[in-house]
Structure formats: C-alpha cells, structure tokens
Amino acid sequence: MTTIYKICTAAEWRTAEREGVYRGSAADHHDGFIHFSTAEQAAETAAKHFAGQRDLVLVAVDERALGTALKWEPSRGGALFPHLYGTLDFEAVRRVDALPLGAAGRHVFPDFG
C-alpha cells in the first residue's frame, strides 16, 4: 500500500466526518482538486502552506483506493504531487493524526512507518 497525506484543519475534518466525505479545503476548491503529499513532501507542504497554524490534522490515505480520480502532476520545482479530482471517501482513509506545532514553530509529524 502506498500512503499519501492530506493536511487540513481539525474543523474541516470534523465537518467531513459529519458529512461522511471530505470535499476539500478552500484552496482545493480554488484549484479544482484535493492536494495531497507523499511522506517525503509533507513537512515542506506544512511549512509552506500551514506555517504557524494550530489545530491541524494529517490524514493518511491509501493511494490505490482512490482509483483513476488520483493524478500525479508536477508542482513545486517540478516534483510530482498527488491530486484527487473528486471527493475523499472515508474507505480510503487509514488514519488521522493530530499535527501539533513543536517548540520551534514547526509541525511535529507522526511516524510515517
């Protein structure tokens, strides 16, 4: 299983839990797809797009469960990032972890293992 990750606010995730599906953040809606990162890309994504933000979660998703709606497309520096053209159904979600800010002001990630 290849796992990809979505960083979002805890409030957005609570809304998704109530609705039974994650429809994406305001930035996702603007871009027309849900942004994901690999384990290797997640810390840079957090630093670039969520610097200093509290109350975030890291959603671990089984890439294979997303099917053909998931596209790998060039983004920062030409690196390929996973983009979901559709909604995120909970069947694909493997776990959700808090993404707290550490003492140095950077997010503290759980073990990706």
C-alpha atoms as a PDB file:
ATOM      1  CA  MET A   1       0.000   0.000   0.000  1.00  0.00           C
ATOM      2  CA  THR A   2       1.254   3.447  -0.884  1.00  0.00           C
ATOM      3  CA  THR A   3       0.104   6.060   1.590  1.00  0.00           C
ATOM      4  CA  ILE A   4      -0.379   9.710   0.708  1.00  0.00           C
ATOM      5  CA  TYR A   5      -1.243  12.508   3.114  1.00  0.00           C
ATOM      6  CA  LYS A   6      -3.674  15.395   3.368  1.00  0.00           C
ATOM      7  CA  ILE A   7      -3.077  18.230   5.809  1.00  0.00           C
ATOM      8  CA  CYS A   8      -6.213  20.095   6.826  1.00  0.00           C
ATOM      9  CA  THR A   9      -7.712  21.885   9.783  1.00  0.00           C
ATOM     10  CA  ALA A  10      -9.330  19.832  12.506  1.00  0.00           C
ATOM     11  CA  ALA A  11     -12.544  21.811  11.885  1.00  0.00           C
ATOM     12  CA  GLU A  12     -12.558  20.829   8.192  1.00  0.00           C
ATOM     13  CA  TRP A  13     -12.071  17.199   9.166  1.00  0.00           C
ATOM     14  CA  ARG A  14     -14.891  17.329  11.748  1.00  0.00           C
ATOM     15  CA  THR A  15     -17.192  18.683   9.014  1.00  0.00           C
ATOM     16  CA  ALA A  16     -16.134  15.825   6.742  1.00  0.00           C
ATOM     17  CA  GLU A  17     -16.886  13.313   9.492  1.00  0.00           C
ATOM     18  CA  ARG A  18     -20.383  14.761   9.889  1.00  0.00           C
ATOM     19  CA  GLU A  19     -20.974  14.691   6.114  1.00  0.00           C
ATOM     20  CA  GLY A  20     -19.348  11.285   5.595  1.00  0.00           C
ATOM     21  CA  VAL A  21     -16.973  12.582   2.905  1.00  0.00           C
ATOM     22  CA  TYR A  22     -14.128  15.112   2.622  1.00  0.00           C
ATOM     23  CA  ARG A  23     -14.741  17.655  -0.124  1.00  0.00           C
ATOM     24  CA  GLY A  24     -11.508  19.623   0.247  1.00  0.00           C
ATOM     25  CA  SER A  25     -10.335  22.943   1.630  1.00  0.00           C
ATOM     26  CA  ALA A  26     -10.931  26.399   0.169  1.00  0.00           C
ATOM     27  CA  ALA A  27      -7.565  26.110  -1.633  1.00  0.00           C
ATOM     28  CA  ASP A  28      -8.587  22.710  -3.012  1.00  0.00           C
ATOM     29  CA  HIS A  29     -11.861  24.138  -4.322  1.00  0.00           C
ATOM     30  CA  HIS A  30      -9.987  27.030  -5.922  1.00  0.00           C
ATOM     31  CA  ASP A  31      -7.570  24.676  -7.695  1.00  0.00           C
ATOM     32  CA  GLY A  32     -10.197  22.104  -8.691  1.00  0.00           C
ATOM     33  CA  PHE A  33      -8.660  19.119  -6.888  1.00  0.00           C
ATOM     34  CA  ILE A  34      -7.703  17.944  -3.403  1.00  0.00           C
ATOM     35  CA  HIS A  35      -3.998  18.431  -2.704  1.00  0.00           C
ATOM     36  CA  PHE A  36      -2.045  15.544  -1.187  1.00  0.00           C
ATOM     37  CA  SER A  37       1.633  14.995  -0.394  1.00  0.00           C
ATOM     38  CA  THR A  38       3.874  11.994  -0.051  1.00  0.00           C
ATOM     39  CA  ALA A  39       5.581  11.300   3.278  1.00  0.00           C
ATOM     40  CA  GLU A  40       8.706  12.939   1.865  1.00  0.00           C
ATOM     41  CA  GLN A  41       6.789  16.068   0.787  1.00  0.00           C
ATOM     42  CA  ALA A  42       4.521  16.549   3.820  1.00  0.00           C
ATOM     43  CA  ALA A  43       6.870  18.575   6.056  1.00  0.00           C
ATOM     44  CA  GLU A  44       7.650  21.021   3.249  1.00  0.00           C
ATOM     45  CA  THR A  45       3.932  21.313   2.455  1.00  0.00           C
ATOM     46  CA  ALA A  46       3.193  22.093   6.107  1.00  0.00           C
ATOM     47  CA  ALA A  47       5.967  24.712   6.265  1.00  0.00           C
ATOM     48  CA  LYS A  48       4.918  26.376   3.004  1.00  0.00           C
ATOM     49  CA  HIS A  49       1.124  26.353   3.305  1.00  0.00           C
ATOM     50  CA  PHE A  50       0.372  25.918   7.033  1.00  0.00           C
ATOM     51  CA  ALA A  51       3.221  27.753   8.809  1.00  0.00           C
ATOM     52  CA  GLY A  52       2.329  28.572  12.388  1.00  0.00           C
ATOM     53  CA  GLN A  53      -1.178  27.090  12.158  1.00  0.00           C
ATOM     54  CA  ARG A  54      -2.517  25.105  15.062  1.00  0.00           C
ATOM     55  CA  ASP A  55      -5.344  22.569  15.151  1.00  0.00           C
ATOM     56  CA  LEU A  56      -4.271  20.689  12.044  1.00  0.00           C
ATOM     57  CA  VAL A  57      -4.633  17.001  11.272  1.00  0.00           C
ATOM     58  CA  LEU A  58      -2.686  14.692   9.000  1.00  0.00           C
ATOM     59  CA  VAL A  59      -4.926  12.295   7.107  1.00  0.00           C
ATOM     60  CA  ALA A  60      -3.225   9.116   5.843  1.00  0.00           C
ATOM     61  CA  VAL A  61      -4.881   7.743   2.700  1.00  0.00           C
ATOM     62  CA  ASP A  62      -4.425   4.541   0.691  1.00  0.00           C
ATOM     63  CA  GLU A  63      -3.486   5.806  -2.757  1.00  0.00           C
ATOM     64  CA  ARG A  64      -4.803   2.684  -4.507  1.00  0.00           C
ATOM     65  CA  ALA A  65      -8.285   3.146  -3.043  1.00  0.00           C
ATOM     66  CA  LEU A  66      -8.651   6.461  -4.926  1.00  0.00           C
ATOM     67  CA  GLY A  67      -8.548   4.861  -8.368  1.00  0.00           C
ATOM     68  CA  THR A  68      -8.323   6.893 -11.548  1.00  0.00           C
ATOM     69  CA  ALA A  69      -9.505  10.108  -9.848  1.00  0.00           C
ATOM     70  CA  LEU A  70      -5.961  10.443  -8.437  1.00  0.00           C
ATOM     71  CA  LYS A  71      -3.447  12.064 -10.770  1.00  0.00           C
ATOM     72  CA  TRP A  72       0.271  12.617 -10.169  1.00  0.00           C
ATOM     73  CA  GLU A  73       1.093  16.080 -11.510  1.00  0.00           C
ATOM     74  CA  PRO A  74       4.116  18.392 -11.425  1.00  0.00           C
ATOM     75  CA  SER A  75       4.070  21.124  -8.802  1.00  0.00           C
ATOM     76  CA  ARG A  76       6.824  22.660  -6.625  1.00  0.00           C
ATOM     77  CA  GLY A  77      10.074  22.513  -8.528  1.00  0.00           C
ATOM     78  CA  GLY A  78       8.619  20.014 -10.980  1.00  0.00           C
ATOM     79  CA  ALA A  79       8.113  17.334  -8.308  1.00  0.00           C
ATOM     80  CA  LEU A  80       5.104  15.085  -8.833  1.00  0.00           C
ATOM     81  CA  PHE A  81       2.318  15.554  -6.284  1.00  0.00           C
ATOM     82  CA  PRO A  82      -0.867  13.502  -5.888  1.00  0.00           C
ATOM     83  CA  HIS A  83      -4.044  15.417  -6.772  1.00  0.00           C
ATOM     84  CA  LEU A  84      -7.507  13.959  -6.264  1.00  0.00           C
ATOM     85  CA  TYR A  85     -10.141  15.059  -8.777  1.00  0.00           C
ATOM     86  CA  GLY A  86     -13.176  14.216  -6.687  1.00  0.00           C
ATOM     87  CA  THR A  87     -14.108  13.743  -3.070  1.00  0.00           C
ATOM     88  CA  LEU A  88     -12.231  11.705  -0.490  1.00  0.00           C
ATOM     89  CA  ASP A  89     -14.346   8.802   0.707  1.00  0.00           C
ATOM     90  CA  PHE A  90     -13.577   7.520   4.182  1.00  0.00           C
ATOM     91  CA  GLU A  91     -12.996   3.962   2.929  1.00  0.00           C
ATOM     92  CA  ALA A  92      -9.612   5.197   1.638  1.00  0.00           C
ATOM     93  CA  VAL A  93      -8.599   6.787   4.962  1.00  0.00           C
ATOM     94  CA  ARG A  94      -6.190   4.689   7.015  1.00  0.00           C
ATOM     95  CA  ARG A  95      -5.688   7.012   9.994  1.00  0.00           C
ATOM     96  CA  VAL A  96      -5.955  10.596  11.173  1.00  0.00           C
ATOM     97  CA  ASP A  97      -3.330  12.102  13.471  1.00  0.00           C
ATOM     98  CA  ALA A  98      -3.045  15.470  15.172  1.00  0.00           C
ATOM     99  CA  LEU A  99      -0.341  17.665  13.633  1.00  0.00           C
ATOM    100  CA  PRO A 100       0.800  19.849  16.537  1.00  0.00           C
ATOM    101  CA  LEU A 101       3.259  22.715  16.432  1.00  0.00           C
ATOM    102  CA  GLY A 102       6.537  21.958  18.144  1.00  0.00           C
ATOM    103  CA  ALA A 103       8.566  24.330  20.297  1.00  0.00           C
ATOM    104  CA  ALA A 104      10.493  25.546  17.243  1.00  0.00           C
ATOM    105  CA  GLY A 105       7.246  26.503  15.479  1.00  0.00           C
ATOM    106  CA  ARG A 106       7.393  23.608  13.009  1.00  0.00           C
ATOM    107  CA  HIS A 107       4.775  20.870  12.866  1.00  0.00           C
ATOM    108  CA  VAL A 108       5.587  17.598  14.580  1.00  0.00           C
ATOM    109  CA  PHE A 109       4.759  14.660  12.335  1.00  0.00           C
ATOM    110  CA  PRO A 110       3.869  11.156  13.495  1.00  0.00           C
ATOM    111  CA  ASP A 111       5.954   8.212  12.417  1.00  0.00           C
ATOM    112  CA  PHE A 112       5.239   7.541   8.740  1.00  0.00           C
ATOM    113  CA  GLY A 113       6.199   3.867   9.178  1.00  0.00           C
END
